[in-house]
Amino acid sequence: MQYDILIVGAGTAGMSCAITAAERGLKVGVVEKADYVGGALHWSGGHMSAGGTHLQKEKGIEDSPEKHLEDIYRINNKSGDLDLTEKAVVEAPKTIQWLDDLGMEWSPDCPRIIYGHVAYETARTIYGPEKALSIYKVLLPQWERHIASGAIEIHFNNSFSGLRKTENRYNAVLCNSAEGEKTYTANNIVITTGGYGSNPAYFKEKHGDIPLVSSAHPNATADGHIIVEKQGANFRLANFHLPSLGGMEEEEGSGRVDFNKAWAMVLTSIYRQPRDIYVNAFGKRFIKEDEVSPETRELTVMKQPDWCFWVIFDENALVAMDNNGNHNPIVIGWTVEQIKEEALKNRALTMADSIEELAEKTGLPVANLKETVLSYNQMVVTKEDPDFGRTYLEDPIKKAPFYALKLHASVLVTFGGIKVNNELQIVDKQNNPMEGLYAAGEFLGLGATSGSSFCSGMAITPALSFGRILGKTLG
């Protein structure tokens, strides 16, 4: 079968591209290594952002793509691929309107400012009540309609294994399947295979010996990167790598954490004032725990051994209530009872009757941890932190049992990716277009559209937008 467009990967960008192309009457083929569609839409938090949307206007929020772009440049110091960033920002309101027209349900608190990243100055982050699944659920009926009509043909359980070209244009995708090697041909090939946060060997090749503790989608294994690089494509922006804080490695040494299941609120102090202290592998504090800036926190943890730290707290801190009369434990969404049950397992979360025992269970230096806790407790009395300038000093660590939660600077998305030009054509190391090859999504790297910082909504929104652009322009 000769397709007008052949898409490798049926995730966020792949689905939007296929649906948009099918609406134009094109013959679309999709190869997918899993046996389902949606990719990271089954995994992601689903945050999107756009300036000048109808959702903002309905709440009296004045915004525009120009203001959105200016805010991004403020956050990331005008880093990344500026052409792609601008392209994504200009397209973003159209993409949000497209989802809305398809019946997207929006969370009632949106648009809002998100403080888990360096915050925008304007409320423009939006999402659905079921995270990225809200996007998936609005795309799926469109996808199934085009599957039923034959406009889209999906080939599941096909692992991308190679490319072939005729003369100077790539026109065939090779895949491994249960029936052997398959070849699919097309006028245009769009690669949307995602990132590489679940491929430790590839990650090490691009980043060296920095720690990898990953919450990336399990299928983010660099399949497309490896293949196009063999053809001469240009990988870039690994130097922008920035982890996220809070991952609990439930199985020690697994290198895996789960953002949706077990994540600690240590991204910022905006949502939870610290009733605890953070210590590094030496049992020493290294930051003011009420630091607001997520990026300051991330960069500081990156200076600690193995990019990890322990949150130390006591029973009073665990059961304390916030100003609204609610428990707000360190682990997002967990109850006090859940934390106690997990602590009994002595995995990422440990419980002990004394600070000495806690240090022994965690492997932290006993004398250092005791000294650190005593010093902090004195700061609570004096209301001064001469070491780091913490100002929230309300909770001494005195009442047993005592708890230690080991947390990692973790990978949610990968910043490095394959370079494309402004037409979303994959280019080689001399910046020449690799004819017939296009790309979108995390395959390009978050650094392309977000630069050297996390800019809220600048992963999923560009993935949807660039997929739509290719679906509208290729043929």
Protein backbone atom coordinates (compact mmCIF):
# COMPACT_ATOMS: atom_id res chain seq x y z
CA MET A 1 0.00 0.00 0.00
CA GLN A 2 1.34 3.39 -1.02
CA TYR A 3 0.21 6.02 1.49
CA ASP A 4 0.08 9.77 1.09
CA ILE A 5 1.43 10.02 4.65
CA LEU A 6 2.95 7.28 6.75
CA ILE A 7 3.26 8.07 10.46
CA VAL A 8 5.60 6.16 12.73
CA GLY A 9 4.10 6.27 16.23
CA ALA A 10 0.44 6.64 17.22
CA GLY A 11 0.90 8.95 20.19
CA THR A 12 0.06 12.61 20.75
CA ALA A 13 1.60 14.03 17.58
CA GLY A 14 0.89 10.92 15.48
CA MET A 15 -2.82 10.84 16.24
CA SER A 16 -3.32 14.55 15.59
CA CYS A 17 -1.40 14.29 12.31
CA ALA A 18 -3.33 11.25 11.12
CA ILE A 19 -6.74 12.67 12.00
CA THR A 20 -5.99 16.01 10.33
CA ALA A 21 -4.65 14.37 7.17
CA ALA A 22 -7.61 12.00 6.96
CA GLU A 23 -9.99 14.98 7.17
CA ARG A 24 -8.39 16.19 3.93
CA GLY A 25 -9.15 12.92 2.20
CA LEU A 26 -5.58 11.64 2.25
CA LYS A 27 -4.66 7.98 2.58
CA VAL A 28 -2.89 7.68 5.93
CA GLY A 29 -0.87 4.77 7.27
CA VAL A 30 0.29 4.47 10.86
CA VAL A 31 2.74 1.96 12.30
CA GLU A 32 2.81 1.48 16.07
CA LYS A 33 4.98 -0.87 18.12
CA ALA A 34 2.35 -1.24 20.87
CA ASP A 35 -1.10 -2.79 20.45
CA TYR A 36 -2.93 0.43 21.31
CA VAL A 37 -2.90 4.10 20.32
CA GLY A 38 -2.36 7.19 22.44
CA GLY A 39 1.21 6.70 23.62
CA ALA A 40 2.07 9.13 26.41
CA LEU A 41 -1.51 10.42 26.49
CA HIS A 42 -2.09 7.45 28.79
CA TRP A 43 0.76 8.66 30.98
CA SER A 44 1.12 12.43 30.94
CA GLY A 45 -0.24 15.14 33.20
CA GLY A 46 -1.79 16.70 30.10
CA HIS A 47 -0.84 20.33 30.68
CA MET A 48 -1.26 22.59 27.64
CA SER A 49 -0.78 26.32 27.23
CA ALA A 50 -1.79 28.98 24.73
CA GLY A 51 -2.13 32.75 24.67
CA GLY A 52 -5.33 34.46 23.58
CA THR A 53 -7.73 31.52 23.87
CA HIS A 54 -11.48 31.79 24.23
CA LEU A 55 -11.09 30.11 27.62
CA GLN A 56 -9.04 33.07 28.82
CA LYS A 57 -11.42 35.62 27.35
CA GLU A 58 -14.35 33.98 29.14
CA LYS A 59 -12.55 34.64 32.45
CA GLY A 60 -11.48 38.17 31.55
CA ILE A 61 -7.82 37.24 31.06
CA GLU A 62 -6.06 39.35 28.44
CA ASP A 63 -3.40 37.42 26.56
CA SER A 64 -1.98 36.80 23.11
CA PRO A 65 0.58 34.58 21.37
CA GLU A 66 2.99 37.51 21.49
CA LYS A 67 2.68 37.78 25.27
CA HIS A 68 2.99 34.01 25.61
CA LEU A 69 6.20 34.04 23.58
CA GLU A 70 7.61 36.93 25.60
CA ASP A 71 6.87 35.03 28.82
CA ILE A 72 8.63 31.91 27.52
CA TYR A 73 11.71 33.93 26.62
CA ARG A 74 11.69 35.45 30.10
CA ILE A 75 11.67 31.97 31.66
CA ASN A 76 14.22 30.26 29.40
CA ASN A 77 16.44 33.25 28.57
CA LYS A 78 15.50 32.97 24.91
CA SER A 79 17.03 29.52 24.49
CA GLY A 80 15.96 26.58 22.34
CA ASP A 81 14.93 26.65 18.70
CA LEU A 82 13.39 30.10 18.48
CA ASP A 83 11.72 29.47 15.12
CA LEU A 84 10.02 26.32 16.39
CA THR A 85 9.05 27.97 19.66
CA GLU A 86 7.39 30.83 17.83
CA LYS A 87 5.70 28.41 15.42
CA ALA A 88 4.31 26.43 18.35
CA VAL A 89 3.09 29.50 20.23
CA VAL A 90 1.34 31.01 17.20
CA GLU A 91 -0.40 27.71 16.45
CA ALA A 92 -1.34 26.93 20.06
CA PRO A 93 -4.66 28.87 20.27
CA LYS A 94 -5.83 27.19 17.06
CA THR A 95 -5.03 23.79 18.52
CA ILE A 96 -6.93 24.56 21.73
CA GLN A 97 -9.90 25.73 19.67
CA TRP A 98 -9.71 22.50 17.62
CA LEU A 99 -9.88 20.39 20.78
CA ASP A 100 -12.72 22.52 22.08
CA ASP A 101 -14.66 22.08 18.83
CA LEU A 102 -14.20 18.32 19.20
CA GLY A 103 -15.84 18.48 22.62
CA MET A 104 -12.84 18.70 24.95
CA GLU A 105 -13.78 19.00 28.61
CA TRP A 106 -11.68 21.51 30.53
CA SER A 107 -11.03 21.54 34.25
CA PRO A 108 -13.10 24.31 35.85
CA ASP A 109 -10.04 25.91 37.48
CA CYS A 110 -8.44 26.54 34.07
CA PRO A 111 -6.82 28.62 32.72
CA ARG A 112 -4.47 28.91 35.68
CA ILE A 113 -0.88 29.61 36.64
CA ILE A 114 1.10 26.47 37.45
CA TYR A 115 3.92 26.79 39.99
CA GLY A 116 5.47 23.36 39.54
CA HIS A 117 7.60 24.99 36.85
CA VAL A 118 8.87 28.55 36.71
CA ALA A 119 5.51 30.28 36.52
CA TYR A 120 4.04 32.28 33.68
CA GLU A 121 2.96 35.79 34.55
CA THR A 122 -0.47 35.14 33.01
CA ALA A 123 -2.94 32.29 33.60
CA ARG A 124 -2.68 30.27 30.39
CA THR A 125 -2.12 26.65 31.43
CA ILE A 126 -5.12 24.41 30.72
CA TYR A 127 -5.92 20.72 31.01
CA GLY A 128 -8.80 18.30 31.30
CA PRO A 129 -10.18 16.65 34.44
CA GLU A 130 -8.52 13.34 33.52
CA LYS A 131 -5.09 14.77 32.70
CA ALA A 132 -3.90 13.75 29.22
CA LEU A 133 -6.60 11.08 29.03
CA SER A 134 -9.04 13.95 28.49
CA ILE A 135 -7.21 14.70 25.24
CA TYR A 136 -7.09 11.04 24.27
CA LYS A 137 -10.83 10.63 24.85
CA VAL A 138 -11.68 13.50 22.53
CA LEU A 139 -9.28 12.32 19.81
CA LEU A 140 -10.30 8.67 19.93
CA PRO A 141 -13.77 9.03 18.32
CA GLN A 142 -12.21 10.95 15.42
CA TRP A 143 -9.52 8.31 15.09
CA GLU A 144 -12.04 5.45 15.12
CA ARG A 145 -14.23 7.20 12.56
CA HIS A 146 -11.34 7.43 10.10
CA ILE A 147 -10.26 3.87 10.86
CA ALA A 148 -13.78 2.69 10.06
CA SER A 149 -13.86 4.62 6.77
CA GLY A 150 -10.45 3.29 5.73
CA ALA A 151 -8.88 6.75 5.60
CA ILE A 152 -6.45 5.66 8.33
CA GLU A 153 -4.87 2.21 8.40
CA ILE A 154 -3.15 1.24 11.64
CA HIS A 155 -0.51 -1.48 11.84
CA PHE A 156 -0.02 -2.54 15.46
CA ASN A 157 2.91 -4.49 16.92
CA ASN A 158 5.23 -3.09 14.26
CA SER A 159 8.62 -2.04 15.62
CA PHE A 160 10.38 0.62 13.56
CA SER A 161 13.58 -0.94 12.24
CA GLY A 162 14.75 1.08 9.25
CA LEU A 163 14.26 3.53 6.39
CA ARG A 164 14.72 3.23 2.67
CA LYS A 165 14.91 5.84 -0.04
CA THR A 166 14.60 5.99 -3.80
CA GLU A 167 17.14 8.32 -5.35
CA ASN A 168 17.29 11.21 -2.84
CA ARG A 169 13.88 10.86 -1.16
CA TYR A 170 12.95 8.63 1.74
CA ASN A 171 9.81 6.73 0.83
CA ALA A 172 9.73 3.49 2.83
CA VAL A 173 9.61 2.44 6.49
CA LEU A 174 10.83 -0.97 7.58
CA CYS A 175 9.28 -2.65 10.61
CA ASN A 176 9.67 -5.88 12.49
CA SER A 177 6.44 -7.72 13.28
CA ALA A 178 5.32 -11.19 14.35
CA GLU A 179 5.00 -12.03 10.66
CA GLY A 180 8.54 -10.90 9.90
CA GLU A 181 9.87 -7.70 8.37
CA LYS A 182 7.29 -5.40 6.80
CA THR A 183 7.81 -2.54 4.36
CA TYR A 184 5.40 0.39 4.13
CA THR A 185 5.80 3.05 1.44
CA ALA A 186 4.55 6.62 1.31
CA ASN A 187 4.98 9.98 -0.35
CA ASN A 188 5.83 11.48 3.07
CA ILE A 189 7.05 9.89 6.29
CA VAL A 190 6.33 11.52 9.67
CA ILE A 191 8.25 10.24 12.69
CA THR A 192 6.57 10.73 16.06
CA THR A 193 8.16 7.98 18.14
CA GLY A 194 8.56 10.04 21.31
CA GLY A 195 11.55 10.56 23.57
CA TYR A 196 14.29 8.38 25.01
CA GLY A 197 13.85 8.52 28.79
CA SER A 198 13.25 4.76 28.98
CA ASN A 199 16.45 3.77 27.18
CA PRO A 200 19.31 3.93 29.72
CA ALA A 201 22.03 3.06 27.19
CA TYR A 202 20.97 5.76 24.75
CA PHE A 203 20.51 8.26 27.58
CA LYS A 204 24.06 7.59 28.76
CA GLU A 205 25.36 7.98 25.20
CA LYS A 206 23.84 11.46 25.02
CA HIS A 207 24.30 12.63 28.62
CA GLY A 208 27.28 10.77 30.00
CA ASP A 209 27.23 9.44 33.54
CA ILE A 210 24.56 11.69 35.05
CA PRO A 211 21.90 9.79 37.02
CA LEU A 212 18.86 8.45 35.18
CA VAL A 213 15.80 7.79 37.31
CA SER A 214 12.92 7.87 34.88
CA SER A 215 9.19 8.43 34.89
CA ALA A 216 9.09 8.56 31.09
CA HIS A 217 6.58 6.48 29.16
CA PRO A 218 7.89 2.88 28.94
CA ASN A 219 7.87 3.04 25.13
CA ALA A 220 10.09 6.14 25.05
CA THR A 221 13.06 4.05 23.97
CA ALA A 222 14.74 6.15 21.25
CA ASP A 223 13.70 3.82 18.42
CA GLY A 224 13.29 6.64 15.92
CA HIS A 225 16.34 8.55 17.11
CA ILE A 226 18.67 5.62 16.56
CA ILE A 227 17.38 4.95 13.05
CA VAL A 228 17.43 8.51 11.72
CA GLU A 229 20.83 9.20 13.26
CA LYS A 230 22.20 6.26 11.29
CA GLN A 231 20.89 8.06 8.21
CA GLY A 232 22.77 11.24 9.19
CA ALA A 233 20.16 13.17 11.17
CA ASN A 234 21.33 15.74 13.71
CA PHE A 235 20.70 15.14 17.43
CA ARG A 236 20.89 18.27 19.62
CA LEU A 237 19.96 20.04 22.87
CA ALA A 238 20.96 17.30 25.34
CA ASN A 239 22.83 20.05 27.21
CA PHE A 240 19.45 21.54 28.20
CA HIS A 241 18.61 18.50 30.31
CA LEU A 242 16.68 19.43 33.44
CA PRO A 243 15.12 16.85 35.77
CA SER A 244 12.00 17.16 37.89
CA LEU A 245 12.02 16.67 41.65
CA GLY A 246 9.93 14.25 43.64
CA GLY A 247 10.31 10.76 42.20
CA MET A 248 10.09 7.87 44.69
CA GLU A 249 12.02 4.83 43.53
CA GLU A 250 9.77 2.22 45.13
CA GLU A 251 12.12 -0.57 44.07
CA GLU A 252 15.65 0.44 45.04
CA GLY A 253 17.99 0.51 42.05
CA SER A 254 15.23 0.07 39.45
CA GLY A 255 15.81 3.48 37.89
CA ARG A 256 12.03 3.88 37.61
CA VAL A 257 9.59 6.19 39.35
CA ASP A 258 5.94 6.95 38.63
CA PHE A 259 4.75 10.55 38.48
CA ASN A 260 1.10 9.48 38.59
CA LYS A 261 1.43 7.02 41.47
CA ALA A 262 4.10 8.11 43.93
CA TRP A 263 5.46 11.64 43.71
CA ALA A 264 6.41 14.02 46.48
CA MET A 265 5.47 17.69 46.66
CA VAL A 266 8.97 19.12 46.60
CA LEU A 267 8.72 21.01 43.30
CA THR A 268 7.98 24.28 45.08
CA SER A 269 6.74 25.51 48.46
CA ILE A 270 3.76 27.28 46.87
CA TYR A 271 1.46 24.29 47.35
CA ARG A 272 2.83 22.98 50.64
CA GLN A 273 4.92 24.73 53.26
CA PRO A 274 7.65 22.38 54.49
CA ARG A 275 7.13 20.67 57.83
CA ASP A 276 10.36 18.83 57.19
CA ILE A 277 14.00 19.21 56.20
CA TYR A 278 15.90 17.98 53.17
CA VAL A 279 19.28 16.30 53.63
CA ASN A 280 21.81 14.94 51.15
CA ALA A 281 23.84 11.72 51.31
CA PHE A 282 26.02 13.30 54.00
CA GLY A 283 23.02 13.88 56.26
CA LYS A 284 23.35 17.64 55.79
CA ARG A 285 20.82 20.25 54.72
CA PHE A 286 21.68 21.86 51.38
CA ILE A 287 18.80 24.24 50.56
CA LYS A 288 16.13 26.34 52.21
CA GLU A 289 13.17 23.98 52.06
CA ASP A 290 10.69 26.82 51.52
CA GLU A 291 12.42 27.89 48.28
CA VAL A 292 9.69 28.86 45.80
CA SER A 293 11.57 28.54 42.49
CA PRO A 294 11.33 25.03 41.00
CA GLU A 295 14.38 25.65 38.84
CA THR A 296 16.52 26.76 41.79
CA ARG A 297 15.51 23.57 43.57
CA GLU A 298 16.28 21.40 40.54
CA LEU A 299 19.68 22.94 39.92
CA THR A 300 20.59 22.66 43.61
CA VAL A 301 19.67 18.97 43.78
CA MET A 302 21.76 18.38 40.65
CA LYS A 303 24.78 19.40 42.73
CA GLN A 304 24.10 16.70 45.36
CA PRO A 305 25.55 13.16 45.19
CA ASP A 306 23.52 10.97 42.80
CA TRP A 307 21.01 13.82 42.41
CA CYS A 308 18.96 12.52 45.32
CA PHE A 309 18.02 13.61 48.83
CA TRP A 310 15.98 12.56 51.87
CA VAL A 311 13.00 14.39 53.37
CA ILE A 312 13.16 14.03 57.15
CA PHE A 313 10.03 14.58 59.28
CA ASP A 314 8.30 13.37 62.42
CA GLU A 315 4.86 12.15 63.47
CA ASN A 316 3.57 15.63 64.22
CA ALA A 317 4.48 16.84 60.75
CA LEU A 318 2.78 13.82 59.18
CA VAL A 319 -0.57 14.29 60.93
CA ALA A 320 -0.63 18.10 60.95
CA MET A 321 -3.41 19.88 59.07
CA ASP A 322 -3.14 22.92 56.84
CA ASN A 323 -5.09 26.15 57.21
CA ASN A 324 -8.08 24.58 55.50
CA GLY A 325 -8.22 21.72 57.97
CA ASN A 326 -6.82 19.16 55.51
CA HIS A 327 -3.94 16.77 55.82
CA ASN A 328 -1.30 17.62 53.25
CA PRO A 329 1.33 14.88 53.48
CA ILE A 330 4.55 15.05 51.53
CA VAL A 331 3.42 12.50 48.90
CA ILE A 332 0.89 13.96 46.48
CA GLY A 333 -2.56 12.44 46.87
CA TRP A 334 -1.56 10.02 49.63
CA THR A 335 -3.31 9.80 52.98
CA VAL A 336 -1.58 9.63 56.34
CA GLU A 337 -2.52 5.95 56.50
CA GLN A 338 -0.94 5.24 53.09
CA ILE A 339 2.30 6.86 54.17
CA LYS A 340 2.41 4.81 57.36
CA GLU A 341 1.74 1.59 55.43
CA GLU A 342 4.46 2.39 52.91
CA ALA A 343 6.94 3.30 55.65
CA LEU A 344 6.60 -0.19 57.12
CA LYS A 345 7.98 -1.61 53.85
CA ASN A 346 11.30 0.24 54.32
CA ARG A 347 11.73 1.07 50.66
CA ALA A 348 11.85 4.70 49.53
CA LEU A 349 10.01 5.61 52.71
CA THR A 350 11.48 4.55 56.06
CA MET A 351 10.17 4.84 59.62
CA ALA A 352 12.09 4.55 62.91
CA ASP A 353 11.69 5.23 66.63
CA SER A 354 14.77 7.44 66.83
CA ILE A 355 16.91 9.61 64.59
CA GLU A 356 19.82 7.21 65.16
CA GLU A 357 17.77 4.26 63.95
CA LEU A 358 16.48 6.31 61.01
CA ALA A 359 20.04 7.11 59.96
CA GLU A 360 21.04 3.46 60.20
CA LYS A 361 18.07 2.31 58.10
CA THR A 362 18.74 4.87 55.38
CA GLY A 363 22.52 4.61 55.41
CA LEU A 364 22.91 8.27 56.32
CA PRO A 365 25.76 9.23 58.68
CA VAL A 366 24.33 8.95 62.19
CA ALA A 367 26.29 11.79 63.79
CA ASN A 368 25.62 14.18 60.90
CA LEU A 369 21.90 13.51 60.81
CA LYS A 370 21.56 13.93 64.57
CA GLU A 371 23.47 17.22 64.43
CA THR A 372 21.39 18.43 61.46
CA VAL A 373 18.09 17.70 63.22
CA LEU A 374 19.23 19.33 66.47
CA SER A 375 20.45 22.40 64.60
CA TYR A 376 17.17 22.70 62.70
CA ASN A 377 15.13 22.32 65.90
CA GLN A 378 17.07 25.24 67.40
CA MET A 379 16.21 27.31 64.31
CA VAL A 380 12.54 26.63 64.96
CA VAL A 381 13.03 28.14 68.43
CA THR A 382 14.95 31.22 67.25
CA LYS A 383 12.97 31.60 63.99
CA GLU A 384 16.21 32.13 62.10
CA ASP A 385 18.04 29.94 59.59
CA PRO A 386 21.62 31.25 59.41
CA ASP A 387 22.63 28.53 56.94
CA PHE A 388 20.16 28.93 54.07
CA GLY A 389 17.65 31.63 55.02
CA ARG A 390 14.56 29.48 55.41
CA THR A 391 11.72 31.56 56.84
CA TYR A 392 9.03 28.92 57.46
CA LEU A 393 10.20 27.46 60.78
CA GLU A 394 7.15 26.07 62.52
CA ASP A 395 7.68 22.32 62.95
CA PRO A 396 10.46 20.85 65.09
CA ILE A 397 11.42 17.24 64.42
CA LYS A 398 10.90 15.75 67.87
CA LYS A 399 8.06 13.24 68.05
CA ALA A 400 8.58 9.59 67.14
CA PRO A 401 8.17 7.82 64.89
CA PHE A 402 10.51 9.62 62.54
CA TYR A 403 10.36 9.30 58.77
CA ALA A 404 12.81 9.54 55.86
CA LEU A 405 11.65 9.69 52.26
CA LYS A 406 14.32 9.23 49.58
CA LEU A 407 13.63 11.29 46.46
CA HIS A 408 15.31 11.62 43.08
CA ALA A 409 15.76 14.26 40.43
CA SER A 410 13.83 12.37 37.78
CA VAL A 411 13.22 12.41 34.05
CA LEU A 412 9.68 13.19 32.94
CA VAL A 413 10.57 14.19 29.38
CA THR A 414 13.82 14.38 27.45
CA PHE A 415 15.18 17.72 26.30
CA GLY A 416 17.42 16.42 23.52
CA GLY A 417 16.01 15.45 20.14
CA ILE A 418 16.31 15.34 16.38
CA LYS A 419 16.68 18.63 14.57
CA VAL A 420 14.07 19.78 12.07
CA ASN A 421 13.77 22.96 10.04
CA ASN A 422 10.86 25.37 10.22
CA GLU A 423 8.89 23.16 7.84
CA LEU A 424 9.37 20.28 10.30
CA GLN A 425 11.62 18.43 7.87
CA ILE A 426 14.34 16.36 9.51
CA VAL A 427 17.72 17.80 8.59
CA ASP A 428 21.19 16.29 8.47
CA LYS A 429 24.31 17.57 10.20
CA GLN A 430 24.82 20.10 7.39
CA ASN A 431 21.23 21.37 7.90
CA ASN A 432 20.12 19.93 4.57
CA PRO A 433 16.57 18.53 4.52
CA MET A 434 16.36 14.75 4.45
CA GLU A 435 13.74 14.67 1.72
CA GLY A 436 10.56 12.84 2.59
CA LEU A 437 11.21 12.80 6.36
CA TYR A 438 9.28 14.95 8.83
CA ALA A 439 8.89 14.83 12.59
CA ALA A 440 6.88 16.11 15.57
CA GLY A 441 6.39 15.49 19.27
CA GLU A 442 8.96 14.67 21.94
CA PHE A 443 11.08 13.18 19.17
CA LEU A 444 12.23 16.79 18.60
CA GLY A 445 13.18 17.16 22.27
CA LEU A 446 11.50 19.41 24.81
CA GLY A 447 14.46 21.75 24.43
CA ALA A 448 13.30 22.66 20.92
CA THR A 449 10.11 24.38 22.11
CA SER A 450 10.80 24.97 25.80
CA GLY A 451 14.50 25.82 25.74
CA SER A 452 16.61 25.20 28.80
CA SER A 453 13.69 25.46 31.25
CA PHE A 454 10.34 23.78 31.77
CA CYS A 455 7.77 26.11 30.23
CA SER A 456 4.28 24.97 31.14
CA GLY A 457 2.35 23.34 28.30
CA MET A 458 5.23 23.47 25.82
CA ALA A 459 5.42 19.70 25.31
CA ILE A 460 1.91 18.44 24.55
CA THR A 461 0.62 21.59 22.84
CA PRO A 462 3.46 21.73 20.28
CA ALA A 463 3.14 17.97 19.72
CA LEU A 464 -0.53 18.36 18.84
CA SER A 465 0.10 21.54 16.85
CA PHE A 466 3.00 20.24 14.78
CA GLY A 467 1.13 17.01 14.11
CA ARG A 468 -1.80 19.06 12.82
CA ILE A 469 0.45 21.29 10.72
CA LEU A 470 1.96 18.27 8.98
CA GLY A 471 -1.47 16.73 8.52
CA LYS A 472 -2.65 19.95 6.87
CA THR A 473 0.35 20.55 4.61
CA LEU A 474 1.72 17.18 3.47
CA GLY A 475 0.12 15.22 0.67
